[in-house]
Amino acid sequence: MNIPFCDACGVANRDGARFCRACGAQLPDESGDASAPSVAAPASEVPESLRRAFEPEFEFQRRLGRGGMGVVWLAREAALERLVAIKVLRRDDEGDRSMEERFLREARMAARLRHRNVVSVHAVGRRDDIAYFTMDYIDGETLSQRASSRGALPVAEARRIMLETCEGVRHAHRHGIVHRDIKPSNVMLDGEDHVVVLDFGLARPDTGPSLTVSGAVHGTPEYLSPEQVEGGRATLRSDIYALGLTWWLLLTGRPLVDVESATGALAMHVTSDFEGVVLRDSRVPADARRIVASMVARDPARRHASLDDVIEAISALGAGDAEEHAAPTRQVPRARGGAAEATKPAPMPGASPQRKRVRSGSSGSGARDASSPGRARTRERLNELLDKLERKDPPEN
């Protein structure tokens, strides 16, 4: 799960904390990630250790973002007279060999990819025991920022953006890489409005051993697939699920998973009937609804088999869809906690921000039979997550 990191000392803090547990400094309002731009840090806040290690080859200008493993800085590469982004391992993880290996794995996997819709990695290495890699600096906005500033996009624009996003992720899939953390803040639009997929910090090979803790929840709760929530292995179809949620945000201006707590979000993925929610929303053209519904099916077997199929389906959307989308439509009721309720979304039963237990009798729109073995395992897993939060254990990342 994403957790806030202190800008002053780099220590990880609990989700929702306002002040750093180590130094007492005020924490940023959002936990952020390495791809999502944050308030720029002035040059005076660049750690002296970075200046010693990288100057004069790189001149640090400001901080761009931070995430579970690294901090991203904007710097000018003197020899090539260009701006680059430099991602360095967080200070409190220096010396942690497993974290360093995950960090360097991100660089190695991203460096294997050469595609117009995937960020390019230039170099990777260590300087004064600081693990780092350099990559393209993208001067633009994330999909979450686009949706926040403009709301629902015209179908034609949302279609183009999703096609480019899918093409970038498909390129990773063709190289045997599952991204595992697709979300609107990990996709940027550059100055020419072209898509660039970022942040392969949680990516892993489609086959082979994982470097993450077995059974831990990794990723962003609002965009995790049901199989990831239930402790299963992320697959190519897990990325398709997250892409469907991302496209829905662009089409409607609101997320399908719209609750106030991480545990509420996790519960929605394994209990809500997103297929039905999407198919009933008349604000979005029927053809687009059918594609999204397949992408966000709770059962991976019901989703598109590959991004080849998704791209083919999206490409086939007709020009008439844009006209239908532009016509005024009424807002329709949705599943509890869904994206189209006119009022503040109600929490899923047993998964409210007050952290109530998930009971065997809990149900919601489209919820699975509470008596099924799969439902029981899901309740147990969600209650384990709640127990960890109540014991004040640090979230696993």
Protein backbone atom coordinates (compact mmCIF):
# COMPACT_ATOMS: atom_id res chain seq x y z
CA MET A 1 0.00 0.00 0.00
CA ASN A 2 1.13 3.55 -0.54
CA ILE A 3 2.29 5.32 2.62
CA PRO A 4 3.58 8.85 3.29
CA PHE A 5 7.30 9.51 3.51
CA CYS A 6 8.80 12.41 5.40
CA ASP A 7 10.46 14.98 3.16
CA ALA A 8 12.81 15.97 5.99
CA CYS A 9 14.20 12.61 7.10
CA GLY A 10 12.81 10.08 4.58
CA VAL A 11 11.18 7.82 7.20
CA ALA A 12 8.03 5.89 6.24
CA ASN A 13 4.90 6.74 8.22
CA ARG A 14 1.44 5.25 8.68
CA ASP A 15 -1.29 5.96 6.14
CA GLY A 16 -3.18 9.05 7.27
CA ALA A 17 -0.44 10.35 9.57
CA ARG A 18 -0.03 14.15 9.65
CA PHE A 19 3.37 14.34 11.33
CA CYS A 20 6.53 12.24 10.97
CA ARG A 21 6.94 9.64 13.72
CA ALA A 22 10.74 10.14 13.69
CA CYS A 23 11.38 13.88 13.41
CA GLY A 24 7.93 15.43 13.92
CA ALA A 25 7.92 17.29 10.60
CA GLN A 26 4.55 17.84 8.92
CA LEU A 27 3.86 15.27 6.22
CA PRO A 28 2.53 16.07 2.73
CA ASP A 29 -1.21 15.81 2.22
CA GLU A 30 -0.88 12.94 -0.25
CA SER A 31 1.30 9.87 0.03
CA GLY A 32 2.32 10.30 -3.60
CA ASP A 33 4.43 8.06 -5.77
CA ALA A 34 7.51 8.45 -7.84
CA SER A 35 5.58 9.39 -10.94
CA ALA A 36 3.06 11.83 -9.53
CA PRO A 37 4.39 15.37 -9.47
CA SER A 38 4.46 16.97 -6.02
CA VAL A 39 5.12 20.48 -4.82
CA ALA A 40 8.57 21.28 -6.09
CA ALA A 41 11.33 21.37 -3.49
CA PRO A 42 13.68 24.36 -3.87
CA ALA A 43 17.30 23.69 -4.74
CA SER A 44 18.28 24.49 -1.16
CA GLU A 45 16.43 21.33 -0.02
CA VAL A 46 18.49 19.00 -2.20
CA PRO A 47 20.50 16.81 0.23
CA GLU A 48 24.18 17.61 0.32
CA SER A 49 24.95 13.90 -0.14
CA LEU A 50 23.32 13.99 -3.58
CA ARG A 51 25.26 17.08 -4.60
CA ARG A 52 28.53 15.48 -3.58
CA ALA A 53 27.75 12.26 -5.41
CA PHE A 54 26.38 13.67 -8.68
CA GLU A 55 27.72 17.17 -9.30
CA PRO A 56 29.10 18.53 -11.56
CA GLU A 57 27.78 15.90 -14.05
CA PHE A 58 24.22 16.57 -12.86
CA GLU A 59 22.87 19.82 -11.48
CA PHE A 60 19.87 19.15 -9.21
CA GLN A 61 16.99 21.57 -9.56
CA ARG A 62 13.99 20.28 -7.59
CA ARG A 63 12.15 17.22 -6.35
CA LEU A 64 9.53 15.79 -8.69
CA GLY A 65 8.01 13.03 -6.58
CA ARG A 66 8.53 10.23 -4.11
CA GLY A 67 7.35 6.68 -3.76
CA GLY A 68 7.68 3.45 -1.83
CA MET A 69 11.30 2.92 -2.84
CA GLY A 70 12.68 6.08 -4.32
CA VAL A 71 12.70 9.85 -4.63
CA VAL A 72 12.73 11.44 -8.07
CA TRP A 73 14.65 14.64 -8.76
CA LEU A 74 14.80 16.93 -11.75
CA ALA A 75 18.38 17.57 -12.83
CA ARG A 76 20.28 19.05 -15.73
CA GLU A 77 22.77 16.69 -17.36
CA ALA A 78 25.68 18.98 -18.16
CA ALA A 79 27.38 16.96 -20.92
CA LEU A 80 24.23 16.60 -23.03
CA GLU A 81 22.63 19.88 -21.93
CA ARG A 82 19.29 18.25 -21.22
CA LEU A 83 16.87 17.79 -18.33
CA VAL A 84 16.56 14.29 -16.88
CA ALA A 85 14.79 12.65 -13.97
CA ILE A 86 17.04 10.92 -11.42
CA LYS A 87 15.49 8.33 -9.14
CA VAL A 88 17.49 7.51 -6.01
CA LEU A 89 16.83 4.90 -3.34
CA ARG A 90 15.25 6.38 -0.23
CA ARG A 91 17.75 7.11 2.53
CA ASP A 92 16.12 4.84 5.12
CA ASP A 93 16.40 1.92 2.68
CA GLU A 94 20.11 2.38 1.95
CA GLY A 95 21.89 -0.79 3.06
CA ASP A 96 18.71 -2.88 2.74
CA ARG A 97 19.83 -5.33 0.09
CA SER A 98 16.35 -6.62 -0.74
CA MET A 99 14.99 -3.09 -1.26
CA GLU A 100 18.04 -2.17 -3.30
CA GLU A 101 17.56 -5.26 -5.46
CA ARG A 102 13.91 -4.36 -6.07
CA PHE A 103 14.96 -0.80 -6.89
CA LEU A 104 17.61 -1.92 -9.38
CA ARG A 105 15.23 -4.50 -10.83
CA GLU A 106 12.88 -1.65 -11.72
CA ALA A 107 15.68 0.04 -13.63
CA ARG A 108 16.74 -3.13 -15.42
CA MET A 109 13.22 -4.04 -16.52
CA ALA A 110 12.37 -0.53 -17.66
CA ALA A 111 15.68 -0.37 -19.55
CA ARG A 112 14.62 -3.43 -21.57
CA LEU A 113 11.67 -1.49 -22.97
CA ARG A 114 12.00 0.84 -25.93
CA HIS A 115 8.62 2.24 -26.89
CA ARG A 116 7.19 5.68 -27.53
CA ASN A 117 4.63 5.16 -24.74
CA VAL A 118 7.04 3.90 -22.06
CA VAL A 119 9.50 6.05 -20.12
CA SER A 120 13.11 5.45 -21.22
CA VAL A 121 15.87 4.63 -18.72
CA HIS A 122 19.27 6.08 -19.62
CA ALA A 123 21.70 4.75 -17.00
CA VAL A 124 21.77 2.85 -13.72
CA GLY A 125 24.44 2.57 -11.03
CA ARG A 126 25.73 3.62 -7.62
CA ARG A 127 27.51 6.78 -6.53
CA ASP A 128 28.86 7.04 -2.98
CA ASP A 129 26.72 3.98 -2.15
CA ILE A 130 23.59 5.72 -3.47
CA ALA A 131 21.68 3.48 -5.88
CA TYR A 132 20.14 5.47 -8.73
CA PHE A 133 19.00 5.49 -12.32
CA THR A 134 18.33 8.29 -14.78
CA MET A 135 15.36 8.45 -17.13
CA ASP A 136 13.39 10.79 -19.37
CA TYR A 137 11.97 13.88 -17.76
CA ILE A 138 8.32 14.16 -18.82
CA ASP A 139 7.03 17.73 -18.70
CA GLY A 140 3.27 17.29 -18.62
CA GLU A 141 0.41 16.04 -16.46
CA THR A 142 -0.80 12.68 -15.16
CA LEU A 143 -4.11 11.13 -16.14
CA SER A 144 -5.35 11.75 -12.61
CA GLN A 145 -4.57 15.46 -13.03
CA ARG A 146 -6.31 15.54 -16.42
CA ALA A 147 -9.44 13.91 -14.97
CA SER A 148 -9.37 16.19 -11.93
CA SER A 149 -9.14 19.36 -13.99
CA ARG A 150 -11.54 18.42 -16.80
CA GLY A 151 -13.80 15.69 -15.51
CA ALA A 152 -15.23 13.28 -18.08
CA LEU A 153 -13.33 13.45 -21.35
CA PRO A 154 -14.94 13.17 -24.80
CA VAL A 155 -14.98 9.54 -25.92
CA ALA A 156 -12.62 10.24 -28.82
CA GLU A 157 -10.00 11.74 -26.49
CA ALA A 158 -10.41 9.06 -23.83
CA ARG A 159 -10.20 6.39 -26.55
CA ARG A 160 -6.92 7.79 -27.94
CA ILE A 161 -5.35 8.08 -24.50
CA MET A 162 -6.36 4.55 -23.52
CA LEU A 163 -5.12 3.12 -26.83
CA GLU A 164 -1.69 4.67 -26.30
CA THR A 165 -1.62 3.50 -22.68
CA CYS A 166 -2.55 -0.03 -23.69
CA GLU A 167 0.12 -0.02 -26.39
CA GLY A 168 2.77 0.94 -23.85
CA VAL A 169 1.69 -1.73 -21.37
CA ARG A 170 1.35 -4.29 -24.18
CA HIS A 171 4.97 -3.65 -25.09
CA ALA A 172 5.92 -4.56 -21.51
CA HIS A 173 3.73 -7.67 -21.67
CA ARG A 174 5.43 -8.77 -24.89
CA HIS A 175 8.72 -8.59 -23.00
CA GLY A 176 7.29 -10.76 -20.23
CA ILE A 177 6.76 -7.92 -17.75
CA VAL A 178 3.64 -7.37 -15.62
CA HIS A 179 3.44 -3.75 -14.41
CA ARG A 180 1.29 -4.49 -11.29
CA ASP A 181 0.70 -0.82 -10.42
CA ILE A 182 -1.23 0.67 -13.33
CA LYS A 183 -3.15 3.74 -12.16
CA PRO A 184 -3.89 7.25 -13.47
CA SER A 185 -0.96 8.81 -11.57
CA ASN A 186 1.47 6.36 -13.20
CA VAL A 187 0.52 7.48 -16.71
CA MET A 188 1.57 10.89 -17.98
CA LEU A 189 0.70 13.04 -20.96
CA ASP A 190 3.71 14.92 -22.32
CA GLY A 191 3.78 18.38 -23.86
CA GLU A 192 2.40 17.00 -27.14
CA ASP A 193 -0.33 15.06 -25.31
CA HIS A 194 1.26 11.67 -25.95
CA VAL A 195 1.02 8.97 -23.29
CA VAL A 196 4.07 7.82 -21.31
CA VAL A 197 3.71 4.90 -18.86
CA LEU A 198 5.86 5.34 -15.75
CA ASP A 199 6.95 3.66 -12.54
CA PHE A 200 7.88 0.01 -12.91
CA GLY A 201 8.75 -0.18 -9.21
CA LEU A 202 6.35 -3.09 -8.60
CA ALA A 203 6.79 -4.72 -12.00
CA ARG A 204 8.01 -8.29 -12.22
CA PRO A 205 8.56 -10.96 -14.87
CA ASP A 206 5.38 -12.81 -15.88
CA THR A 207 7.14 -16.02 -14.83
CA GLY A 208 9.82 -16.61 -12.22
CA PRO A 209 10.30 -15.78 -8.53
CA SER A 210 8.94 -12.65 -6.89
CA LEU A 211 11.04 -10.36 -4.71
CA THR A 212 8.04 -9.18 -2.71
CA VAL A 213 6.79 -10.71 0.53
CA SER A 214 4.51 -13.67 -0.07
CA GLY A 215 0.90 -12.84 0.81
CA ALA A 216 1.55 -9.09 1.13
CA VAL A 217 -0.64 -6.57 -0.66
CA HIS A 218 1.46 -4.49 -3.03
CA GLY A 219 0.12 -1.68 -5.16
CA THR A 220 -2.56 0.98 -4.85
CA PRO A 221 -5.78 -0.23 -3.16
CA GLU A 222 -8.12 1.56 -5.57
CA TYR A 223 -6.54 -0.15 -8.61
CA LEU A 224 -5.64 -3.61 -7.31
CA SER A 225 -7.25 -6.58 -9.05
CA PRO A 226 -9.39 -8.98 -7.00
CA GLU A 227 -6.80 -11.73 -7.37
CA GLN A 228 -4.12 -9.44 -5.92
CA VAL A 229 -6.37 -8.50 -3.00
CA GLU A 230 -6.91 -12.20 -2.29
CA GLY A 231 -3.17 -12.82 -2.23
CA GLY A 232 -2.88 -14.37 -5.69
CA ARG A 233 -0.24 -13.76 -8.31
CA ALA A 234 -0.66 -10.75 -10.55
CA THR A 235 -0.93 -11.65 -14.23
CA LEU A 236 -1.32 -9.83 -17.52
CA ARG A 237 -5.07 -9.76 -16.87
CA SER A 238 -4.44 -7.95 -13.58
CA ASP A 239 -2.97 -5.07 -15.60
CA ILE A 240 -6.03 -5.21 -17.89
CA TYR A 241 -8.28 -4.83 -14.83
CA ALA A 242 -6.40 -1.72 -13.68
CA LEU A 243 -6.45 -0.29 -17.19
CA GLY A 244 -10.24 -0.73 -17.26
CA LEU A 245 -10.58 1.20 -14.01
CA THR A 246 -8.30 3.90 -15.41
CA TRP A 247 -10.31 4.21 -18.62
CA TRP A 248 -13.54 4.49 -16.65
CA LEU A 249 -12.10 7.47 -14.78
CA LEU A 250 -11.38 9.18 -18.10
CA LEU A 251 -14.84 8.39 -19.51
CA THR A 252 -16.83 9.50 -16.45
CA GLY A 253 -14.53 11.78 -14.47
CA ARG A 254 -15.01 9.62 -11.36
CA PRO A 255 -13.37 6.38 -10.22
CA LEU A 256 -15.30 3.14 -9.92
CA VAL A 257 -13.68 2.57 -6.53
CA ASP A 258 -14.57 5.73 -4.64
CA VAL A 259 -14.34 5.14 -0.89
CA GLU A 260 -12.41 6.79 1.92
CA SER A 261 -10.44 3.86 3.31
CA ALA A 262 -7.92 1.42 1.87
CA THR A 263 -9.75 -1.53 3.39
CA GLY A 264 -13.01 -0.31 1.88
CA ALA A 265 -11.33 -0.21 -1.52
CA LEU A 266 -9.97 -3.74 -1.09
CA ALA A 267 -13.43 -5.00 -0.13
CA MET A 268 -15.04 -3.41 -3.19
CA HIS A 269 -12.73 -5.28 -5.56
CA VAL A 270 -13.81 -8.65 -4.23
CA THR A 271 -17.50 -7.99 -3.55
CA SER A 272 -18.78 -5.43 -6.08
CA ASP A 273 -20.29 -6.22 -9.47
CA PHE A 274 -18.36 -3.70 -11.53
CA GLU A 275 -19.52 -5.32 -14.75
CA GLY A 276 -23.13 -4.54 -13.90
CA VAL A 277 -22.29 -1.07 -12.62
CA VAL A 278 -20.55 -0.18 -15.88
CA LEU A 279 -23.17 -1.70 -18.18
CA ARG A 280 -26.00 0.24 -16.48
CA ASP A 281 -24.36 3.67 -16.77
CA SER A 282 -25.99 5.33 -19.77
CA ARG A 283 -23.64 8.33 -19.67
CA VAL A 284 -21.07 6.23 -21.54
CA PRO A 285 -21.72 4.80 -25.02
CA ALA A 286 -22.83 1.18 -25.01
CA ASP A 287 -19.87 -0.13 -27.04
CA ALA A 288 -17.38 1.49 -24.66
CA ARG A 289 -19.31 0.17 -21.66
CA ARG A 290 -19.09 -3.39 -22.94
CA ILE A 291 -15.31 -3.14 -23.36
CA VAL A 292 -14.78 -1.67 -19.88
CA ALA A 293 -17.14 -4.24 -18.32
CA SER A 294 -15.03 -7.07 -19.74
CA MET A 295 -11.81 -5.42 -18.55
CA VAL A 296 -13.04 -5.03 -14.95
CA ALA A 297 -14.70 -8.43 -14.58
CA ARG A 298 -14.06 -9.85 -11.12
CA ASP A 299 -13.18 -13.26 -12.57
CA PRO A 300 -9.94 -12.98 -14.59
CA ALA A 301 -11.24 -15.63 -17.00
CA ARG A 302 -14.05 -13.24 -18.00
CA ARG A 303 -11.66 -10.45 -18.94
CA HIS A 304 -10.01 -9.95 -22.31
CA ALA A 305 -7.33 -12.58 -22.80
CA SER A 306 -4.67 -10.05 -23.79
CA LEU A 307 -4.11 -6.40 -24.58
CA ASP A 308 -4.17 -7.34 -28.25
CA ASP A 309 -7.88 -8.04 -27.77
CA VAL A 310 -8.42 -4.84 -25.79
CA ILE A 311 -6.68 -2.68 -28.39
CA GLU A 312 -8.64 -4.31 -31.20
CA ALA A 313 -11.93 -3.65 -29.37
CA ILE A 314 -11.13 -0.02 -28.52
CA SER A 315 -9.87 0.66 -32.04
CA ALA A 316 -13.20 -0.55 -33.42
CA LEU A 317 -15.21 2.08 -31.51
CA GLY A 318 -17.13 4.16 -34.05
CA ALA A 319 -17.10 7.91 -34.50
CA GLY A 320 -20.75 8.01 -33.43
CA ASP A 321 -19.70 7.26 -29.88
CA ALA A 322 -18.41 10.80 -29.44
CA GLU A 323 -21.80 12.26 -30.37
CA GLU A 324 -23.61 9.92 -27.99
CA HIS A 325 -21.22 10.86 -25.20
CA ALA A 326 -21.78 14.56 -25.80
CA ALA A 327 -25.58 14.24 -25.46
CA PRO A 328 -26.96 15.12 -22.01
CA THR A 329 -27.79 12.06 -19.96
CA ARG A 330 -29.14 11.58 -16.50
CA GLN A 331 -27.10 10.15 -13.69
CA VAL A 332 -28.10 6.60 -12.86
CA PRO A 333 -27.95 4.72 -9.56
CA ARG A 334 -24.90 2.61 -8.96
CA ALA A 335 -23.60 -0.02 -6.64
CA ARG A 336 -22.89 1.27 -3.17
CA GLY A 337 -19.55 3.03 -3.11
CA GLY A 338 -19.59 3.20 -6.92
CA ALA A 339 -18.60 6.10 -9.09
CA ALA A 340 -21.91 7.57 -10.22
CA GLU A 341 -23.82 8.27 -7.03
CA ALA A 342 -24.73 11.92 -6.82
CA THR A 343 -23.99 12.01 -3.11
CA LYS A 344 -20.92 10.96 -1.19
CA PRO A 345 -20.41 7.23 -1.78
CA ALA A 346 -21.60 4.94 0.98
CA PRO A 347 -18.99 2.50 2.28
CA MET A 348 -19.27 -1.17 1.52
CA PRO A 349 -20.81 -3.19 4.36
CA GLY A 350 -18.08 -4.46 6.62
CA ALA A 351 -15.47 -2.22 4.98
CA SER A 352 -16.27 1.27 6.22
CA PRO A 353 -13.68 3.85 7.20
CA GLN A 354 -14.47 2.90 10.82
CA ARG A 355 -12.87 -0.49 10.08
CA LYS A 356 -15.83 -2.68 10.98
CA ARG A 357 -15.29 -6.39 10.68
CA VAL A 358 -16.35 -8.12 7.49
CA ARG A 359 -19.16 -10.38 8.67
CA SER A 360 -20.44 -13.53 7.06
CA GLY A 361 -23.78 -11.87 6.47
CA SER A 362 -22.36 -8.76 4.84
CA SER A 363 -23.58 -8.19 1.35
CA GLY A 364 -23.67 -5.50 -1.27
CA SER A 365 -24.80 -4.97 -4.80
CA GLY A 366 -23.32 -7.83 -6.78
CA ALA A 367 -21.64 -9.40 -3.74
CA ARG A 368 -20.79 -13.06 -3.90
CA ASP A 369 -22.67 -15.63 -1.86
CA ALA A 370 -21.44 -15.12 1.70
CA SER A 371 -21.48 -18.85 2.32
CA SER A 372 -19.04 -19.71 -0.46
CA PRO A 373 -15.50 -20.86 0.48
CA GLY A 374 -13.99 -18.11 -1.67
CA ARG A 375 -16.05 -15.46 0.12
CA ALA A 376 -14.98 -16.87 3.50
CA ARG A 377 -11.31 -16.70 2.50
CA THR A 378 -11.82 -13.12 1.36
CA ARG A 379 -13.37 -12.18 4.71
CA GLU A 380 -10.45 -13.75 6.54
CA ARG A 381 -7.91 -11.88 4.42
CA LEU A 382 -9.64 -8.51 4.84
CA ASN A 383 -9.91 -9.07 8.59
CA GLU A 384 -6.19 -9.88 8.73
CA LEU A 385 -5.50 -6.55 7.02
CA LEU A 386 -7.76 -4.79 9.52
CA ASP A 387 -5.97 -6.49 12.42
CA LYS A 388 -2.62 -5.22 11.14
CA LEU A 389 -3.95 -1.67 10.93
CA GLU A 390 -5.44 -1.82 14.42
CA ARG A 391 -2.19 -3.18 15.88
CA LYS A 392 -0.52 -0.14 14.24
CA ASP A 393 1.82 -2.35 12.26
CA PRO A 394 3.51 -0.41 9.44
CA PRO A 395 1.81 -1.16 6.09
CA GLU A 396 3.65 -3.63 3.88
CA ASN A 397 5.04 -2.07 0.73
